[in-house]
Amino acid sequence: MVLAAGTLFAVNGTVSRLVLRAGFDETQLTTVRATGAFLGLMVIALATRPRTLALTRRELPVLVAYGLAGFFFTPLLYFVSISRLGVGIGLLFEYTAPLLIALWARFVQRQEVRRRLWTGLVLSLLGLAAVANVWGGGDRRLDPVGVAAGLGAAALLAVYFLVGEKGVRRRDTVSLTGWAFGVAALAGAVVRPWWNFSWSTLSERSDGWPVWLLCCYVVIGGSIMSYLLIAGALRHLPATSVSIVAMIEPVIASAVAWVVLREHLSVVQIAGGALILAGVALAETARTRQPDAPEVPVT
């Protein structure tokens, strides 16, 4: 599930870049994505198991935190980051999230981890640095706003994984993801009202592709299907494992950009991709089986 979601997310990166090139801004794309996914998931839930959509007052704080962190602010900050640092550098900052989750598990939840987890994380981050080609970029990658946005996206991505791990214990995947997208859609409508959108952009083309068709992929493939897969994976794996395996996304994203956008990879970047996979495999075998830890609220 995580591998499939990573592939869909990776393709979504290139598609989203094409949409942004056509004239959509970061907030507009985030809001369109969340609203379309919310409506699609509501239709699925109503057609299959409508009773699962019922909400309790106790669930609302978790749903709001889950929706804002993972479905609105994380993609919004990621879009801001790549607009100032470039896609590779932005992904490098965002994918420090697994390290933050591991630190949370070790020092807050007091969970035991084997030492090779840290070795695997270091290898993966070094591989991400190679894929992002941080040594070959210009001064633009050091833009302070872009760096802050990338680190903010990493922190919120970590919150998304941790809160999602709690959320899947209480409700099914479709309703959980649907309501989370609903929270993101509402937040987007407040930040950027719909009457301020440039709808004429949908009739244009970006690199030969109709913008409306690209937006359809962003909603269906890059949102509904991918987030359902991640939420489903959290039923079988802890947040640490899901976030670590998800680190292959930059590798696949680079390959997609190579084919579609002609962004060729260097030998160093290809080696970095192999290093990431090695680090993921090493870190994934470092998990220890323990009884369920008490729930720790996300602050």
Protein backbone atom coordinates (compact mmCIF):
# COMPACT_ATOMS: atom_id res chain seq x y z
CA MET A 1 0.00 0.00 0.00
CA VAL A 2 2.76 2.45 0.91
CA LEU A 3 4.71 1.67 -2.26
CA ALA A 4 1.62 2.18 -4.41
CA ALA A 5 0.79 5.42 -2.62
CA GLY A 6 4.37 6.61 -3.05
CA THR A 7 4.13 6.02 -6.80
CA LEU A 8 0.85 7.94 -7.07
CA PHE A 9 2.25 10.78 -4.95
CA ALA A 10 5.39 10.87 -7.10
CA VAL A 11 3.40 11.21 -10.33
CA ASN A 12 1.26 13.81 -8.59
CA GLY A 13 4.36 15.94 -7.99
CA THR A 14 5.01 16.32 -11.72
CA VAL A 15 1.31 16.81 -12.48
CA SER A 16 0.97 19.46 -9.77
CA ARG A 17 3.99 21.28 -11.12
CA LEU A 18 2.36 21.44 -14.53
CA VAL A 19 -0.83 22.85 -12.97
CA LEU A 20 1.15 25.49 -11.07
CA ARG A 21 2.92 26.45 -14.29
CA ALA A 22 -0.46 27.04 -15.92
CA GLY A 23 -1.33 29.77 -13.42
CA PHE A 24 -2.84 28.18 -10.31
CA ASP A 25 -1.22 29.35 -7.08
CA GLU A 26 -0.35 27.08 -4.15
CA THR A 27 -3.45 27.81 -2.07
CA GLN A 28 -5.82 27.43 -5.02
CA LEU A 29 -4.38 24.05 -6.01
CA THR A 30 -4.48 22.83 -2.40
CA THR A 31 -8.13 23.87 -2.04
CA VAL A 32 -9.24 22.34 -5.36
CA ARG A 33 -7.47 19.12 -4.46
CA ALA A 34 -9.04 18.88 -1.00
CA THR A 35 -12.55 19.81 -2.13
CA GLY A 36 -12.59 17.38 -5.05
CA ALA A 37 -11.28 14.55 -2.89
CA PHE A 38 -13.81 15.32 -0.14
CA LEU A 39 -16.73 15.16 -2.57
CA GLY A 40 -15.45 11.97 -4.19
CA LEU A 41 -14.96 10.18 -0.89
CA MET A 42 -18.37 11.27 0.39
CA VAL A 43 -19.96 9.69 -2.70
CA ILE A 44 -18.02 6.45 -2.11
CA ALA A 45 -19.01 6.36 1.57
CA LEU A 46 -22.69 7.11 0.90
CA ALA A 47 -22.83 4.40 -1.77
CA THR A 48 -21.15 1.73 0.34
CA ARG A 49 -21.42 2.31 4.10
CA PRO A 50 -23.24 5.57 4.89
CA ARG A 51 -23.44 4.78 8.62
CA THR A 52 -19.68 5.18 8.92
CA LEU A 53 -19.99 8.91 8.26
CA ALA A 54 -21.54 9.53 11.68
CA LEU A 55 -19.33 11.72 13.88
CA THR A 56 -19.01 12.06 17.62
CA ARG A 57 -17.89 15.16 19.49
CA ARG A 58 -14.92 13.23 20.88
CA GLU A 59 -13.60 12.53 17.37
CA LEU A 60 -13.63 16.12 16.15
CA PRO A 61 -10.27 17.26 17.61
CA VAL A 62 -8.44 14.32 16.01
CA LEU A 63 -10.18 14.83 12.66
CA VAL A 64 -9.43 18.56 12.66
CA ALA A 65 -5.76 17.98 13.54
CA TYR A 66 -5.48 15.19 10.96
CA GLY A 67 -7.12 17.23 8.20
CA LEU A 68 -5.24 20.46 8.82
CA ALA A 69 -1.83 18.86 9.30
CA GLY A 70 -1.78 16.26 6.55
CA PHE A 71 -4.34 17.44 4.01
CA PHE A 72 -4.02 21.22 3.98
CA PHE A 73 -0.87 22.70 5.52
CA THR A 74 1.59 19.96 4.50
CA PRO A 75 0.89 20.21 0.73
CA LEU A 76 0.54 23.99 0.98
CA LEU A 77 3.94 24.40 2.64
CA TYR A 78 5.45 21.89 0.22
CA PHE A 79 4.25 23.95 -2.75
CA VAL A 80 5.74 27.09 -1.17
CA SER A 81 9.01 25.28 -0.52
CA ILE A 82 9.50 23.92 -4.04
CA SER A 83 8.64 27.31 -5.53
CA ARG A 84 11.65 28.78 -3.70
CA LEU A 85 14.06 25.84 -3.40
CA GLY A 86 13.22 23.49 -6.26
CA VAL A 87 11.41 20.14 -6.10
CA GLY A 88 14.37 18.03 -4.98
CA ILE A 89 15.46 20.32 -2.17
CA GLY A 90 11.87 20.78 -0.99
CA LEU A 91 11.39 17.00 -0.79
CA LEU A 92 14.64 16.64 1.14
CA PHE A 93 13.40 18.96 3.87
CA GLU A 94 9.90 17.43 3.96
CA TYR A 95 11.21 13.89 4.22
CA THR A 96 13.07 14.55 7.44
CA ALA A 97 9.65 13.67 8.93
CA PRO A 98 10.58 9.99 9.60
CA LEU A 99 13.47 11.17 11.75
CA LEU A 100 11.10 13.38 13.75
CA ILE A 101 8.71 10.43 14.21
CA ALA A 102 11.53 8.17 15.36
CA LEU A 103 12.66 10.80 17.86
CA TRP A 104 9.07 11.13 19.12
CA ALA A 105 8.76 7.36 19.53
CA ARG A 106 12.08 7.11 21.35
CA PHE A 107 12.04 10.13 23.64
CA VAL A 108 8.33 10.90 24.16
CA GLN A 109 6.63 7.52 23.91
CA ARG A 110 9.70 5.78 25.43
CA GLN A 111 9.66 3.01 22.84
CA GLU A 112 12.68 0.79 22.34
CA VAL A 113 14.37 0.97 18.92
CA ARG A 114 17.40 -0.88 17.65
CA ARG A 115 20.46 1.17 16.77
CA ARG A 116 20.31 0.28 13.10
CA LEU A 117 17.14 2.38 12.82
CA TRP A 118 19.28 5.48 13.19
CA THR A 119 21.82 4.13 10.72
CA GLY A 120 19.05 3.49 8.21
CA LEU A 121 17.64 6.97 8.67
CA VAL A 122 21.06 8.54 8.18
CA LEU A 123 21.63 6.53 5.00
CA SER A 124 18.19 7.50 3.68
CA LEU A 125 18.77 11.19 4.37
CA LEU A 126 22.18 11.05 2.69
CA GLY A 127 20.53 9.38 -0.28
CA LEU A 128 17.87 12.07 -0.38
CA ALA A 129 20.62 14.69 -0.38
CA ALA A 130 22.20 13.00 -3.39
CA VAL A 131 18.89 12.70 -5.25
CA ALA A 132 18.14 16.35 -4.50
CA ASN A 133 21.63 17.26 -5.76
CA VAL A 134 22.11 19.71 -2.89
CA TRP A 135 25.77 20.14 -3.76
CA GLY A 136 25.03 21.29 -7.30
CA GLY A 137 22.28 23.87 -6.67
CA GLY A 138 22.61 27.61 -6.48
CA ASP A 139 22.11 30.09 -3.66
CA ARG A 140 18.35 29.98 -4.28
CA ARG A 141 18.07 26.76 -2.28
CA LEU A 142 19.08 28.68 0.83
CA ASP A 143 16.06 30.99 0.65
CA PRO A 144 15.01 31.28 4.33
CA VAL A 145 11.26 31.24 3.58
CA GLY A 146 11.67 28.10 1.47
CA VAL A 147 13.74 26.39 4.17
CA ALA A 148 11.19 27.32 6.85
CA ALA A 149 8.33 26.04 4.67
CA GLY A 150 10.15 22.75 4.01
CA LEU A 151 10.88 22.16 7.70
CA GLY A 152 7.31 23.11 8.57
CA ALA A 153 6.04 20.58 6.03
CA ALA A 154 8.25 17.93 7.64
CA ALA A 155 6.88 18.63 11.12
CA LEU A 156 3.28 18.56 9.90
CA LEU A 157 3.89 15.39 7.89
CA ALA A 158 5.10 13.74 11.08
CA VAL A 159 1.95 14.90 12.88
CA TYR A 160 -0.12 13.51 10.00
CA PHE A 161 1.40 10.04 10.36
CA LEU A 162 1.09 10.00 14.17
CA VAL A 163 -2.48 11.31 14.31
CA GLY A 164 -3.50 9.04 11.43
CA GLU A 165 -2.19 6.04 13.34
CA LYS A 166 -4.64 6.92 16.12
CA GLY A 167 -7.49 7.75 13.77
CA VAL A 168 -7.54 4.39 11.99
CA ARG A 169 -8.18 2.67 15.31
CA ARG A 170 -11.57 4.37 15.63
CA ARG A 171 -13.10 4.53 12.14
CA ASP A 172 -12.85 3.12 8.63
CA THR A 173 -10.39 4.41 6.04
CA VAL A 174 -12.89 6.01 3.64
CA SER A 175 -14.75 8.10 6.21
CA LEU A 176 -11.55 9.07 8.04
CA THR A 177 -9.87 10.30 4.86
CA GLY A 178 -13.08 11.90 3.57
CA TRP A 179 -13.73 13.98 6.68
CA ALA A 180 -10.06 14.96 6.85
CA PHE A 181 -10.25 16.26 3.29
CA GLY A 182 -13.45 18.07 4.29
CA VAL A 183 -11.55 19.89 7.03
CA ALA A 184 -8.85 20.82 4.51
CA ALA A 185 -11.45 22.00 1.98
CA LEU A 186 -13.11 24.23 4.57
CA ALA A 187 -9.76 25.68 5.60
CA GLY A 188 -8.90 26.35 1.97
CA ALA A 189 -12.23 28.08 1.33
CA VAL A 190 -11.55 30.38 4.28
CA VAL A 191 -7.99 31.20 3.23
CA ARG A 192 -8.82 31.57 -0.47
CA PRO A 193 -12.55 32.05 -1.16
CA TRP A 194 -13.88 30.28 -4.25
CA TRP A 195 -15.04 33.51 -5.91
CA ASN A 196 -11.39 34.62 -6.11
CA PHE A 197 -10.33 31.58 -8.16
CA SER A 198 -9.10 31.97 -11.74
CA TRP A 199 -11.36 29.33 -13.30
CA SER A 200 -10.32 30.26 -16.84
CA THR A 201 -7.04 28.45 -16.17
CA LEU A 202 -8.87 25.11 -16.38
CA SER A 203 -9.46 25.60 -20.11
CA GLU A 204 -5.76 26.16 -20.82
CA ARG A 205 -2.96 23.66 -21.51
CA SER A 206 0.30 23.02 -19.70
CA ASP A 207 3.05 21.27 -21.64
CA GLY A 208 0.35 20.01 -24.02
CA TRP A 209 -1.94 18.63 -21.30
CA PRO A 210 -5.39 20.09 -20.55
CA VAL A 211 -5.27 21.69 -17.10
CA TRP A 212 -8.70 20.30 -16.19
CA LEU A 213 -7.44 16.76 -16.88
CA LEU A 214 -4.33 17.35 -14.78
CA CYS A 215 -6.55 18.57 -11.93
CA CYS A 216 -8.61 15.38 -12.23
CA TYR A 217 -5.47 13.33 -11.62
CA VAL A 218 -4.49 15.53 -8.67
CA VAL A 219 -7.90 14.83 -7.11
CA ILE A 220 -8.30 11.13 -7.95
CA GLY A 221 -4.84 9.59 -8.28
CA GLY A 222 -2.82 12.06 -6.24
CA SER A 223 -5.35 12.45 -3.43
CA ILE A 224 -8.22 9.97 -3.06
CA MET A 225 -6.38 6.78 -3.99
CA SER A 226 -3.02 7.67 -2.45
CA TYR A 227 -4.36 8.88 0.90
CA LEU A 228 -6.66 5.86 1.19
CA LEU A 229 -3.66 3.60 0.67
CA ILE A 230 -1.65 5.39 3.38
CA ALA A 231 -4.56 5.31 5.82
CA GLY A 232 -5.05 1.63 5.07
CA ALA A 233 -1.36 0.91 5.58
CA LEU A 234 -1.50 2.49 9.05
CA ARG A 235 -3.83 -0.38 10.02
CA HIS A 236 -0.99 -2.84 9.44
CA LEU A 237 2.21 -0.89 10.16
CA PRO A 238 3.23 1.65 12.81
CA ALA A 239 3.67 5.29 11.81
CA THR A 240 7.47 4.98 11.93
CA SER A 241 7.51 2.18 9.34
CA VAL A 242 4.97 3.83 7.04
CA SER A 243 6.88 7.12 7.02
CA ILE A 244 10.22 5.39 6.39
CA VAL A 245 8.96 3.31 3.46
CA ALA A 246 7.25 6.42 2.06
CA MET A 247 10.71 7.97 1.65
CA ILE A 248 11.00 6.24 -1.72
CA GLU A 249 8.67 8.90 -3.13
CA PRO A 250 11.52 11.28 -4.10
CA VAL A 251 13.23 8.45 -5.99
CA ILE A 252 10.12 7.67 -8.01
CA ALA A 253 9.36 11.38 -8.42
CA SER A 254 12.81 11.93 -9.92
CA ALA A 255 12.26 9.06 -12.36
CA VAL A 256 8.87 10.45 -13.42
CA ALA A 257 10.34 13.92 -13.88
CA TRP A 258 13.14 12.32 -15.94
CA VAL A 259 10.60 10.82 -18.36
CA VAL A 260 7.96 13.56 -18.47
CA LEU A 261 9.86 16.78 -17.82
CA ARG A 262 13.21 15.62 -19.22
CA GLU A 263 14.91 16.32 -15.89
CA HIS A 264 17.80 13.90 -16.31
CA LEU A 265 19.42 12.27 -13.29
CA SER A 266 23.16 12.28 -12.73
CA VAL A 267 25.18 9.25 -11.63
CA VAL A 268 25.31 10.72 -8.11
CA GLN A 269 21.53 11.03 -8.00
CA ILE A 270 21.02 7.45 -9.19
CA ALA A 271 23.46 6.28 -6.50
CA GLY A 272 21.50 8.33 -3.99
CA GLY A 273 18.33 6.50 -4.95
CA ALA A 274 20.00 3.16 -4.27
CA LEU A 275 21.25 4.51 -0.94
CA ILE A 276 17.72 5.49 0.05
CA LEU A 277 16.40 2.01 -0.68
CA ALA A 278 19.22 0.46 1.33
CA GLY A 279 18.52 2.78 4.23
CA VAL A 280 14.79 2.04 4.10
CA ALA A 281 15.42 -1.72 4.18
CA LEU A 282 17.86 -1.37 7.10
CA ALA A 283 15.61 0.89 9.14
CA GLU A 284 12.52 -1.25 8.47
CA THR A 285 14.23 -4.28 10.07
CA ALA A 286 15.06 -2.28 13.20
CA ARG A 287 11.53 -2.30 14.61
CA THR A 288 10.94 -4.16 17.87
CA ARG A 289 7.63 -5.80 18.70
CA GLN A 290 6.11 -4.27 21.82
CA PRO A 291 2.68 -4.03 23.41
CA ASP A 292 0.63 -1.05 22.30
CA ALA A 293 1.90 2.09 23.96
CA PRO A 294 -0.51 4.46 25.69
CA GLU A 295 -1.89 7.09 23.35
CA VAL A 296 0.04 10.35 23.51
CA PRO A 297 -1.90 13.43 22.45
CA VAL A 298 -0.35 15.53 19.72
CA THR A 299 0.15 19.10 20.93
